[in-house]
Amino acid sequence: MQYVFYTTEGFTQAPDGEAIENCQILAFVEAEGVRQAWRKFKKENAWMRGRGFSLDMAVCRELVDCEVF
């Protein structure tokens, strides 16, 4: 299964320089379950703490494959 981790921390800057509040994608993780996904996420993304992101603010969601018709 594939999981996406994201946060509402941070912002994006528009071309005109204005700050835009939105979600930031932190990582995509392949794992057999949500617990394993969290463990892998924390292990593989230690850079987050140094950049001011909080692991407590991260959200994890399983991605679902969808067939396009």
C-alpha atoms as a PDB file:
ATOM      1  CA  MET A   1       0.000   0.000   0.000  1.00  0.00           C
ATOM      2  CA  GLN A   2       1.104   3.555  -0.582  1.00  0.00           C
ATOM      3  CA  TYR A   3       0.639   6.404   1.881  1.00  0.00           C
ATOM      4  CA  VAL A   4       0.968  10.159   1.608  1.00  0.00           C
ATOM      5  CA  PHE A   5       2.087  12.352   4.495  1.00  0.00           C
ATOM      6  CA  TYR A   6       1.185  16.020   4.539  1.00  0.00           C
ATOM      7  CA  THR A   7       0.889  19.005   6.872  1.00  0.00           C
ATOM      8  CA  THR A   8      -0.846  22.369   7.012  1.00  0.00           C
ATOM      9  CA  GLU A   9       2.368  23.906   8.363  1.00  0.00           C
ATOM     10  CA  GLY A  10       4.214  26.242   6.037  1.00  0.00           C
ATOM     11  CA  PHE A  11       3.008  28.091   2.974  1.00  0.00           C
ATOM     12  CA  THR A  12       3.575  28.479  -0.745  1.00  0.00           C
ATOM     13  CA  GLN A  13       4.557  31.728  -2.379  1.00  0.00           C
ATOM     14  CA  ALA A  14       2.582  32.840  -5.435  1.00  0.00           C
ATOM     15  CA  PRO A  15       4.430  34.311  -8.442  1.00  0.00           C
ATOM     16  CA  ASP A  16       3.363  37.790  -7.275  1.00  0.00           C
ATOM     17  CA  GLY A  17       5.065  37.183  -3.894  1.00  0.00           C
ATOM     18  CA  GLU A  18       1.891  36.687  -1.875  1.00  0.00           C
ATOM     19  CA  ALA A  19       1.920  33.894   0.758  1.00  0.00           C
ATOM     20  CA  ILE A  20      -0.712  31.217   0.063  1.00  0.00           C
ATOM     21  CA  GLU A  21      -1.853  28.932   2.887  1.00  0.00           C
ATOM     22  CA  ASN A  22      -2.210  25.327   1.766  1.00  0.00           C
ATOM     23  CA  CYS A  23      -1.124  21.773   2.567  1.00  0.00           C
ATOM     24  CA  GLN A  24       2.492  20.710   2.082  1.00  0.00           C
ATOM     25  CA  ILE A  25       3.265  17.181   0.862  1.00  0.00           C
ATOM     26  CA  LEU A  26       6.029  15.782   3.057  1.00  0.00           C
ATOM     27  CA  ALA A  27       6.500  12.251   1.703  1.00  0.00           C
ATOM     28  CA  PHE A  28       5.090   9.234  -0.079  1.00  0.00           C
ATOM     29  CA  VAL A  29       5.756   5.898   1.679  1.00  0.00           C
ATOM     30  CA  GLU A  30       5.302   2.272   0.588  1.00  0.00           C
ATOM     31  CA  ALA A  31       4.309   0.083   3.548  1.00  0.00           C
ATOM     32  CA  GLU A  32       2.182  -2.907   4.505  1.00  0.00           C
ATOM     33  CA  GLY A  33       0.097  -0.917   6.979  1.00  0.00           C
ATOM     34  CA  VAL A  34      -0.331   2.488   8.560  1.00  0.00           C
ATOM     35  CA  ARG A  35       1.894   1.716  11.577  1.00  0.00           C
ATOM     36  CA  GLN A  36       4.745   0.613   9.339  1.00  0.00           C
ATOM     37  CA  ALA A  37       4.173   3.690   7.171  1.00  0.00           C
ATOM     38  CA  TRP A  38       4.560   5.989  10.201  1.00  0.00           C
ATOM     39  CA  ARG A  39       7.753   4.206  11.289  1.00  0.00           C
ATOM     40  CA  LYS A  40       9.265   4.500   7.814  1.00  0.00           C
ATOM     41  CA  PHE A  41       8.163   8.115   7.498  1.00  0.00           C
ATOM     42  CA  LYS A  42       9.824   9.102  10.789  1.00  0.00           C
ATOM     43  CA  LYS A  43      13.005   7.180   9.976  1.00  0.00           C
ATOM     44  CA  GLU A  44      13.377   8.465   6.399  1.00  0.00           C
ATOM     45  CA  ASN A  45      12.394  12.091   7.018  1.00  0.00           C
ATOM     46  CA  ALA A  46      14.505  13.304   9.937  1.00  0.00           C
ATOM     47  CA  TRP A  47      15.115  16.527   7.926  1.00  0.00           C
ATOM     48  CA  MET A  48      11.655  17.742   8.994  1.00  0.00           C
ATOM     49  CA  ARG A  49      12.703  18.641  12.528  1.00  0.00           C
ATOM     50  CA  GLY A  50      15.608  20.742  11.259  1.00  0.00           C
ATOM     51  CA  ARG A  51      13.249  22.700   9.004  1.00  0.00           C
ATOM     52  CA  GLY A  52      10.736  23.473  11.771  1.00  0.00           C
ATOM     53  CA  PHE A  53       8.018  20.956  10.871  1.00  0.00           C
ATOM     54  CA  SER A  54       6.327  19.054  13.707  1.00  0.00           C
ATOM     55  CA  LEU A  55       5.712  15.313  13.408  1.00  0.00           C
ATOM     56  CA  ASP A  56       2.589  15.884  15.537  1.00  0.00           C
ATOM     57  CA  MET A  57       1.106  18.018  12.749  1.00  0.00           C
ATOM     58  CA  ALA A  58       1.717  15.451   9.992  1.00  0.00           C
ATOM     59  CA  VAL A  59      -1.301  13.653   8.540  1.00  0.00           C
ATOM     60  CA  CYS A  60      -1.133  10.192   6.959  1.00  0.00           C
ATOM     61  CA  ARG A  61      -3.606   8.942   4.352  1.00  0.00           C
ATOM     62  CA  GLU A  62      -3.618   5.735   2.336  1.00  0.00           C
ATOM     63  CA  LEU A  63      -3.684   6.284  -1.411  1.00  0.00           C
ATOM     64  CA  VAL A  64      -6.123   4.267  -3.487  1.00  0.00           C
ATOM     65  CA  ASP A  65      -5.513   3.200  -7.071  1.00  0.00           C
ATOM     66  CA  CYS A  66      -8.284   4.381  -9.347  1.00  0.00           C
ATOM     67  CA  GLU A  67      -8.876   3.146 -12.862  1.00  0.00           C
ATOM     68  CA  VAL A  68      -9.471   5.891 -15.410  1.00  0.00           C
ATOM     69  CA  PHE A  69     -12.232   5.208 -17.901  1.00  0.00           C
END
